[in-house]
Protein backbone atom coordinates (compact mmCIF):
# COMPACT_ATOMS: atom_id res chain seq x y z
CA UNK A 1 102.18 92.57 77.15
CA UNK A 2 104.52 93.08 80.10
CA UNK A 3 104.11 95.92 82.57
CA UNK A 4 107.09 98.01 83.60
CA UNK A 5 107.71 101.33 85.27
CA UNK A 6 110.28 104.06 84.86
CA UNK A 7 110.28 106.08 88.09
CA UNK A 8 110.12 105.24 91.77
CA UNK A 9 108.19 107.34 94.27
CA UNK A 10 107.92 107.74 98.02
CA UNK A 11 104.63 107.55 99.86
CA UNK A 12 102.97 110.75 101.18
CA UNK A 13 99.16 110.88 101.64
CA UNK A 14 97.45 108.49 104.09
CA UNK A 15 94.10 107.01 103.02
CA UNK A 16 91.72 104.84 105.03
CA UNK A 17 90.44 101.76 103.21
CA UNK A 18 86.94 100.35 103.22
CA UNK A 19 87.23 97.22 101.07
CA UNK A 20 90.90 96.51 101.80
CA UNK A 21 92.02 97.59 105.23
CA UNK A 22 95.55 98.89 104.66
CA UNK A 23 97.24 102.30 104.90
CA UNK A 24 97.30 104.23 101.65
CA UNK A 25 99.54 106.89 100.26
CA UNK A 26 100.35 108.72 97.05
CA UNK A 27 103.77 108.99 95.44
CA UNK A 28 105.88 111.85 96.77
CA UNK A 29 105.42 114.96 94.73
CA UNK A 30 101.89 114.19 93.50
CA UNK A 31 99.60 116.57 95.37
CA UNK A 32 96.23 114.83 95.14
CA UNK A 33 93.32 117.22 95.51
CA UNK A 34 90.90 114.36 96.30
CA UNK A 35 89.94 113.42 99.84
CA UNK A 36 90.81 110.09 101.43
CA UNK A 37 87.17 108.97 101.36
CA UNK A 38 86.81 109.66 97.63
CA UNK A 39 90.00 107.79 96.69
CA UNK A 40 89.17 104.49 98.33
CA UNK A 41 91.75 101.83 99.21
CA UNK A 42 95.28 101.87 97.89
CA UNK A 43 95.51 98.65 95.92
CA UNK A 44 99.02 99.07 94.54
CA UNK A 45 102.11 101.25 94.75
CA UNK A 46 104.46 100.39 91.91
CA UNK A 47 107.25 102.72 90.82
CA UNK A 48 105.74 105.90 89.41
CA UNK A 49 102.14 104.70 89.94
CA UNK A 50 99.95 104.48 93.00
CA UNK A 51 96.53 102.94 92.33
CA UNK A 52 93.43 103.47 94.48
CA UNK A 53 90.07 101.79 94.00
CA UNK A 54 86.61 101.74 95.52
CA UNK A 55 83.22 100.45 94.57
CA UNK A 56 79.77 101.62 95.53
CA UNK A 57 76.11 100.91 94.76
CA UNK A 58 74.92 101.81 91.26
CA UNK A 59 71.47 102.35 89.85
CA UNK A 60 70.15 100.52 86.82
CA UNK A 61 70.93 102.53 83.70
CA UNK A 62 73.88 104.42 85.23
CA UNK A 63 75.73 106.61 82.76
CA UNK A 64 79.43 106.97 83.54
CA UNK A 65 81.56 110.05 82.81
CA UNK A 66 84.54 109.82 80.47
CA UNK A 67 87.98 109.06 81.88
CA UNK A 68 89.47 112.14 83.54
CA UNK A 69 93.18 112.87 83.06
CA UNK A 70 94.34 115.86 85.11
CA UNK A 71 97.74 117.38 85.88
CA UNK A 72 98.67 117.76 89.55
CA UNK A 73 101.79 119.18 91.14
CA UNK A 74 104.51 116.57 90.61
CA UNK A 75 102.57 114.36 88.23
CA UNK A 76 99.14 113.53 86.91
CA UNK A 77 96.01 111.72 88.02
CA UNK A 78 93.74 109.43 85.99
CA UNK A 79 90.23 108.77 87.33
CA UNK A 80 87.65 106.46 85.81
CA UNK A 81 84.27 105.17 86.97
CA UNK A 82 82.58 102.22 85.29
CA UNK A 83 80.34 99.25 85.99
CA UNK A 84 81.99 96.59 88.15
CA UNK A 85 83.05 95.79 91.70
CA UNK A 86 86.12 94.99 93.75
CA UNK A 87 84.54 91.62 94.44
CA UNK A 88 84.48 90.87 90.71
CA UNK A 89 87.86 92.38 89.75
CA UNK A 90 91.34 92.67 91.19
CA UNK A 91 92.96 95.79 89.78
CA UNK A 92 96.65 96.09 88.94
CA UNK A 93 98.42 98.96 87.27
CA UNK A 94 101.67 100.23 85.86
CA UNK A 95 102.86 103.51 84.43
CA UNK A 96 105.60 104.05 81.88
CA UNK A 97 106.94 107.61 81.95
CA UNK A 98 109.21 108.71 79.11
CA UNK A 99 110.00 112.20 77.79
CA UNK A 100 106.76 113.52 76.31
CA UNK A 101 104.68 110.38 76.92
CA UNK A 102 102.98 108.56 79.81
CA UNK A 103 101.26 105.21 79.34
CA UNK A 104 99.01 104.05 82.19
CA UNK A 105 98.12 100.33 82.03
CA UNK A 106 95.24 99.10 84.20
CA UNK A 107 94.55 95.35 84.34
CA UNK A 108 91.16 93.99 85.43
CA UNK A 109 91.71 90.44 86.69
CA UNK A 110 88.59 88.32 87.21
CA UNK A 111 88.41 86.99 90.76
CA UNK A 112 86.16 84.00 89.85
CA UNK A 113 84.20 84.25 93.06
CA UNK A 114 80.56 84.65 94.02
CA UNK A 115 79.57 88.29 94.38
CA UNK A 116 76.22 89.77 95.31
CA UNK A 117 73.76 90.45 92.52
CA UNK A 118 73.65 94.14 93.47
CA UNK A 119 74.61 96.60 90.75
CA UNK A 120 77.98 98.18 91.59
CA UNK A 121 80.15 100.94 90.17
CA UNK A 122 83.95 100.71 90.30
CA UNK A 123 86.12 103.83 90.48
CA UNK A 124 89.90 103.87 90.27
CA UNK A 125 92.34 106.73 90.69
CA UNK A 126 95.87 106.32 89.37
CA UNK A 127 98.41 108.88 90.63
CA UNK A 128 101.53 109.00 88.45
CA UNK A 129 104.77 110.77 89.34
CA UNK A 130 106.15 112.72 86.37
CA UNK A 131 108.57 115.65 86.12
CA UNK A 132 107.37 119.00 84.82
CA UNK A 133 106.61 119.00 81.13
CA UNK A 134 104.07 118.28 78.43
CA UNK A 135 102.95 114.67 78.02
CA UNK A 136 100.72 112.69 75.72
CA UNK A 137 98.91 110.43 78.21
CA UNK A 138 97.45 107.12 77.07
CA UNK A 139 95.26 104.97 79.35
CA UNK A 140 95.01 101.30 78.38
CA UNK A 141 92.69 98.74 80.00
CA UNK A 142 93.66 95.05 79.93
CA UNK A 143 90.93 92.46 80.40
CA UNK A 144 90.42 88.93 79.10
CA UNK A 145 93.65 88.94 77.05
CA UNK A 146 92.57 92.15 75.30
CA UNK A 147 94.00 95.67 75.48
CA UNK A 148 91.82 98.72 74.77
CA UNK A 149 92.86 102.37 74.78
CA UNK A 150 90.14 104.08 76.84
CA UNK A 151 91.57 107.62 76.93
CA UNK A 152 94.25 109.73 75.34
CA UNK A 153 95.00 113.36 76.17
CA UNK A 154 97.82 115.87 76.25
CA UNK A 155 98.56 117.42 79.66
CA UNK A 156 101.08 119.86 81.09
CA UNK A 157 102.49 118.82 84.47
CA UNK A 158 103.27 121.95 86.51
């Protein structure tokens, strides 16, 4: 499946990275309510999507919340936490924005490297620029040549 995007965005919110030391920003118009520390490093800015990721220590038996899809001024934000680490996975994303529908594709690419044996949790935040309106949002994860829909929700972008 090929990734493509429909909108282009400017960069607006600076974020300080821990795992990847680069400046980070959100697409213009998406007013992220999260703090720089909670977002993590910007790993990709691609058209309508800006993707942030961070990992942190986990405890054995961690239970993760469901994927959160929330409207923000100028777009929407998808947040998910799950088992994994930035050492283990490279994350890539794309967003397709069409009238009434947004599809957010997140690819987990194995790094094939030695990582510590510590349990880690991986959190990503995908900020997507979208004009005002009602959207059916679908979040699809791609890993090991497989695509799984992990969340689907209707949101109204103010």
